[in-house]
Amino acid sequence: MRLLPVLLLAALAACMRGATPDQQAGLPAVRHDEHVSAGGAAPKAVRWQNPYQRDKRAADEGAKIFTAMNCDGCHGGAGAGWVGPSLADGRWRFGGADGELFQSIYYGRPHGMPAYGGLLLAPDAVWKLVTYIQSLEPPADVPTEAWQ
């Protein structure tokens, strides 16, 4: 009977031996083969809590990052949409909650959205972008009603 706890601890240690520091810390590891990582380096996993939620100053800084990182090159001025989808119309293919927006920017999405996390943008900058995107006013006329 004394051997069972020792064996369980040894098995747990063996499982954690190959774990990354992010996994050992309990951070979500959202990495998929479809994600395009900037520079080929997969970003580290992070927690999904926006420290800047509804913070006007952070949204203003996020607007500057949006322009500096050329987000408007795909998503249009003020995120109204162009080659990439609108970020202001309130319709989200991958979800519009804090963590979902963060994941889209940080880890990227299939078919065109590269991962900006880690190599290009620190988590703090990504949260400011999320805050900016959530501050965008929806357009008066949305061209379609729903995703088909």
C-alpha atoms as a PDB file:
ATOM      1  CA  MET A   1       0.000   0.000   0.000  1.00  0.00           C
ATOM      2  CA  ARG A   2       2.865   2.428   0.680  1.00  0.00           C
ATOM      3  CA  LEU A   3       4.175   1.835  -2.808  1.00  0.00           C
ATOM      4  CA  LEU A   4       1.015   3.133  -4.557  1.00  0.00           C
ATOM      5  CA  PRO A   5       1.484   6.850  -3.631  1.00  0.00           C
ATOM      6  CA  VAL A   6       5.137   6.666  -4.670  1.00  0.00           C
ATOM      7  CA  LEU A   7       4.177   5.139  -8.031  1.00  0.00           C
ATOM      8  CA  LEU A   8       1.501   7.794  -8.582  1.00  0.00           C
ATOM      9  CA  LEU A   9       3.982  10.605  -7.865  1.00  0.00           C
ATOM     10  CA  ALA A  10       6.540   9.036 -10.212  1.00  0.00           C
ATOM     11  CA  ALA A  11       3.914   8.786 -12.977  1.00  0.00           C
ATOM     12  CA  LEU A  12       2.885  12.417 -12.483  1.00  0.00           C
ATOM     13  CA  ALA A  13       6.510  13.577 -12.593  1.00  0.00           C
ATOM     14  CA  ALA A  14       7.045  11.626 -15.830  1.00  0.00           C
ATOM     15  CA  CYS A  15       4.004  13.296 -17.388  1.00  0.00           C
ATOM     16  CA  MET A  16       5.193  16.785 -16.426  1.00  0.00           C
ATOM     17  CA  ARG A  17       8.793  16.178 -17.557  1.00  0.00           C
ATOM     18  CA  GLY A  18       7.913  16.987 -21.191  1.00  0.00           C
ATOM     19  CA  ALA A  19       5.507  19.805 -20.284  1.00  0.00           C
ATOM     20  CA  THR A  20       6.355  23.358 -21.221  1.00  0.00           C
ATOM     21  CA  PRO A  21       6.585  26.031 -18.486  1.00  0.00           C
ATOM     22  CA  ASP A  22       3.237  27.386 -19.782  1.00  0.00           C
ATOM     23  CA  GLN A  23       1.588  23.988 -19.328  1.00  0.00           C
ATOM     24  CA  GLN A  24       3.152  23.559 -15.884  1.00  0.00           C
ATOM     25  CA  ALA A  25       1.700  26.957 -14.914  1.00  0.00           C
ATOM     26  CA  GLY A  26      -1.759  25.875 -16.121  1.00  0.00           C
ATOM     27  CA  LEU A  27      -1.872  28.395 -18.976  1.00  0.00           C
ATOM     28  CA  PRO A  28      -4.014  27.481 -21.989  1.00  0.00           C
ATOM     29  CA  ALA A  29      -1.984  26.304 -24.946  1.00  0.00           C
ATOM     30  CA  VAL A  30      -3.998  27.183 -28.032  1.00  0.00           C
ATOM     31  CA  ARG A  31      -1.780  26.250 -30.915  1.00  0.00           C
ATOM     32  CA  HIS A  32      -3.032  24.684 -34.109  1.00  0.00           C
ATOM     33  CA  ASP A  33      -1.272  23.700 -37.292  1.00  0.00           C
ATOM     34  CA  GLU A  34      -3.526  26.097 -39.208  1.00  0.00           C
ATOM     35  CA  HIS A  35      -2.194  29.083 -37.269  1.00  0.00           C
ATOM     36  CA  VAL A  36       0.409  31.170 -39.035  1.00  0.00           C
ATOM     37  CA  SER A  37       3.038  32.293 -36.550  1.00  0.00           C
ATOM     38  CA  ALA A  38       4.981  35.423 -37.437  1.00  0.00           C
ATOM     39  CA  GLY A  39       8.594  34.451 -38.071  1.00  0.00           C
ATOM     40  CA  GLY A  40       7.704  30.778 -37.581  1.00  0.00           C
ATOM     41  CA  ALA A  41       7.949  31.048 -33.776  1.00  0.00           C
ATOM     42  CA  ALA A  42       4.871  29.873 -31.885  1.00  0.00           C
ATOM     43  CA  PRO A  43       3.976  32.403 -29.158  1.00  0.00           C
ATOM     44  CA  LYS A  44       3.751  31.380 -25.504  1.00  0.00           C
ATOM     45  CA  ALA A  45       0.342  30.734 -23.977  1.00  0.00           C
ATOM     46  CA  VAL A  46      -1.163  33.478 -21.786  1.00  0.00           C
ATOM     47  CA  ARG A  47      -4.146  34.017 -19.484  1.00  0.00           C
ATOM     48  CA  TRP A  48      -7.424  35.322 -20.963  1.00  0.00           C
ATOM     49  CA  GLN A  49      -8.331  38.218 -18.664  1.00  0.00           C
ATOM     50  CA  ASN A  50      -8.333  41.711 -20.178  1.00  0.00           C
ATOM     51  CA  PRO A  51      -6.679  44.099 -17.723  1.00  0.00           C
ATOM     52  CA  TYR A  52      -7.870  47.099 -19.796  1.00  0.00           C
ATOM     53  CA  GLN A  53     -11.560  46.303 -20.220  1.00  0.00           C
ATOM     54  CA  ARG A  54     -13.475  49.553 -20.992  1.00  0.00           C
ATOM     55  CA  ASP A  55     -10.341  51.665 -20.351  1.00  0.00           C
ATOM     56  CA  LYS A  56     -10.489  54.712 -22.679  1.00  0.00           C
ATOM     57  CA  ARG A  57      -6.748  55.421 -22.492  1.00  0.00           C
ATOM     58  CA  ALA A  58      -5.913  51.790 -23.346  1.00  0.00           C
ATOM     59  CA  ALA A  59      -8.394  51.921 -26.266  1.00  0.00           C
ATOM     60  CA  ASP A  60      -6.632  55.048 -27.572  1.00  0.00           C
ATOM     61  CA  GLU A  61      -3.272  53.266 -27.316  1.00  0.00           C
ATOM     62  CA  GLY A  62      -4.838  50.259 -29.053  1.00  0.00           C
ATOM     63  CA  ALA A  63      -5.937  52.544 -31.908  1.00  0.00           C
ATOM     64  CA  LYS A  64      -2.315  53.641 -32.363  1.00  0.00           C
ATOM     65  CA  ILE A  65      -1.136  50.022 -32.355  1.00  0.00           C
ATOM     66  CA  PHE A  66      -3.900  49.174 -34.869  1.00  0.00           C
ATOM     67  CA  THR A  67      -2.451  51.755 -37.270  1.00  0.00           C
ATOM     68  CA  ALA A  68       1.225  51.059 -36.506  1.00  0.00           C
ATOM     69  CA  MET A  69       0.833  47.303 -37.075  1.00  0.00           C
ATOM     70  CA  ASN A  70      -1.061  47.976 -40.330  1.00  0.00           C
ATOM     71  CA  CYS A  71      -4.214  46.223 -39.097  1.00  0.00           C
ATOM     72  CA  ASP A  72      -6.162  48.740 -41.165  1.00  0.00           C
ATOM     73  CA  GLY A  73      -4.407  47.371 -44.258  1.00  0.00           C
ATOM     74  CA  CYS A  74      -6.706  44.334 -44.059  1.00  0.00           C
ATOM     75  CA  HIS A  75      -9.503  45.384 -41.710  1.00  0.00           C
ATOM     76  CA  GLY A  76      -9.970  48.913 -43.110  1.00  0.00           C
ATOM     77  CA  GLY A  77     -10.008  52.260 -41.370  1.00  0.00           C
ATOM     78  CA  ALA A  78     -11.606  52.092 -37.917  1.00  0.00           C
ATOM     79  CA  GLY A  79     -11.918  48.324 -38.420  1.00  0.00           C
ATOM     80  CA  ALA A  80     -14.853  48.774 -40.830  1.00  0.00           C
ATOM     81  CA  GLY A  81     -13.680  45.900 -43.045  1.00  0.00           C
ATOM     82  CA  TRP A  82     -11.874  45.624 -46.344  1.00  0.00           C
ATOM     83  CA  VAL A  83      -9.891  42.510 -47.369  1.00  0.00           C
ATOM     84  CA  GLY A  84     -10.273  41.226 -43.825  1.00  0.00           C
ATOM     85  CA  PRO A  85     -13.632  41.197 -42.034  1.00  0.00           C
ATOM     86  CA  SER A  86     -15.145  44.159 -40.251  1.00  0.00           C
ATOM     87  CA  LEU A  87     -14.200  44.394 -36.587  1.00  0.00           C
ATOM     88  CA  ALA A  88     -16.906  46.953 -35.863  1.00  0.00           C
ATOM     89  CA  ASP A  89     -20.096  45.211 -36.968  1.00  0.00           C
ATOM     90  CA  GLY A  90     -20.408  42.952 -33.912  1.00  0.00           C
ATOM     91  CA  ARG A  91     -20.362  39.714 -35.916  1.00  0.00           C
ATOM     92  CA  TRP A  92     -17.533  37.357 -35.036  1.00  0.00           C
ATOM     93  CA  ARG A  93     -16.563  34.155 -36.807  1.00  0.00           C
ATOM     94  CA  PHE A  94     -14.302  33.086 -33.916  1.00  0.00           C
ATOM     95  CA  GLY A  95     -16.088  34.976 -31.112  1.00  0.00           C
ATOM     96  CA  GLY A  96     -15.999  38.552 -29.843  1.00  0.00           C
ATOM     97  CA  ALA A  97     -15.338  37.984 -26.124  1.00  0.00           C
ATOM     98  CA  ASP A  98     -12.079  39.284 -24.635  1.00  0.00           C
ATOM     99  CA  GLY A  99     -10.259  35.943 -24.737  1.00  0.00           C
ATOM    100  CA  GLU A 100     -11.542  35.047 -28.196  1.00  0.00           C
ATOM    101  CA  LEU A 101     -10.374  38.335 -29.703  1.00  0.00           C
ATOM    102  CA  PHE A 102      -7.060  37.969 -27.909  1.00  0.00           C
ATOM    103  CA  GLN A 103      -6.612  34.465 -29.337  1.00  0.00           C
ATOM    104  CA  SER A 104      -7.379  35.671 -32.858  1.00  0.00           C
ATOM    105  CA  ILE A 105      -4.699  38.374 -32.649  1.00  0.00           C
ATOM    106  CA  TYR A 106      -2.128  36.530 -30.548  1.00  0.00           C
ATOM    107  CA  TYR A 107      -2.326  33.058 -32.124  1.00  0.00           C
ATOM    108  CA  GLY A 108      -3.784  33.956 -35.536  1.00  0.00           C
ATOM    109  CA  ARG A 109      -6.588  32.238 -37.452  1.00  0.00           C
ATOM    110  CA  PRO A 110      -6.681  30.027 -40.526  1.00  0.00           C
ATOM    111  CA  HIS A 111      -6.946  31.578 -43.987  1.00  0.00           C
ATOM    112  CA  GLY A 112      -5.241  34.909 -43.524  1.00  0.00           C
ATOM    113  CA  MET A 113      -4.917  36.138 -39.936  1.00  0.00           C
ATOM    114  CA  PRO A 114      -1.284  35.691 -38.852  1.00  0.00           C
ATOM    115  CA  ALA A 115      -0.262  35.327 -35.221  1.00  0.00           C
ATOM    116  CA  TYR A 116       1.062  38.607 -33.849  1.00  0.00           C
ATOM    117  CA  GLY A 117       1.684  37.373 -30.318  1.00  0.00           C
ATOM    118  CA  GLY A 118       5.048  36.941 -28.739  1.00  0.00           C
ATOM    119  CA  LEU A 119       7.398  37.878 -31.564  1.00  0.00           C
ATOM    120  CA  LEU A 120       5.656  41.059 -32.761  1.00  0.00           C
ATOM    121  CA  LEU A 121       3.318  42.092 -29.951  1.00  0.00           C
ATOM    122  CA  ALA A 122       3.527  41.562 -26.217  1.00  0.00           C
ATOM    123  CA  PRO A 123       0.340  40.367 -24.479  1.00  0.00           C
ATOM    124  CA  ASP A 124      -0.106  43.870 -23.021  1.00  0.00           C
ATOM    125  CA  ALA A 125      -0.254  45.397 -26.528  1.00  0.00           C
ATOM    126  CA  VAL A 126      -2.683  42.714 -27.708  1.00  0.00           C
ATOM    127  CA  TRP A 127      -5.008  43.490 -24.776  1.00  0.00           C
ATOM    128  CA  LYS A 128      -4.934  47.177 -25.784  1.00  0.00           C
ATOM    129  CA  LEU A 129      -5.905  46.152 -29.318  1.00  0.00           C
ATOM    130  CA  VAL A 130      -8.759  44.053 -27.921  1.00  0.00           C
ATOM    131  CA  THR A 131      -9.927  47.046 -25.873  1.00  0.00           C
ATOM    132  CA  TYR A 132      -9.782  49.276 -28.971  1.00  0.00           C
ATOM    133  CA  ILE A 133     -11.691  46.771 -31.115  1.00  0.00           C
ATOM    134  CA  GLN A 134     -14.409  46.445 -28.487  1.00  0.00           C
ATOM    135  CA  SER A 135     -14.726  50.253 -28.379  1.00  0.00           C
ATOM    136  CA  LEU A 136     -15.530  50.511 -32.104  1.00  0.00           C
ATOM    137  CA  GLU A 137     -18.995  51.783 -32.979  1.00  0.00           C
ATOM    138  CA  PRO A 138     -21.007  49.472 -35.240  1.00  0.00           C
ATOM    139  CA  PRO A 139     -21.824  50.959 -38.656  1.00  0.00           C
ATOM    140  CA  ALA A 140     -25.349  52.279 -39.246  1.00  0.00           C
ATOM    141  CA  ASP A 141     -25.796  49.940 -42.218  1.00  0.00           C
ATOM    142  CA  VAL A 142     -24.482  46.382 -41.988  1.00  0.00           C
ATOM    143  CA  PRO A 143     -24.291  44.909 -45.521  1.00  0.00           C
ATOM    144  CA  THR A 144     -25.413  41.390 -44.539  1.00  0.00           C
ATOM    145  CA  GLU A 145     -27.528  40.091 -41.710  1.00  0.00           C
ATOM    146  CA  ALA A 146     -25.616  36.964 -40.696  1.00  0.00           C
ATOM    147  CA  TRP A 147     -22.876  34.550 -41.728  1.00  0.00           C
ATOM    148  CA  GLN A 148     -24.185  32.003 -44.217  1.00  0.00           C
END
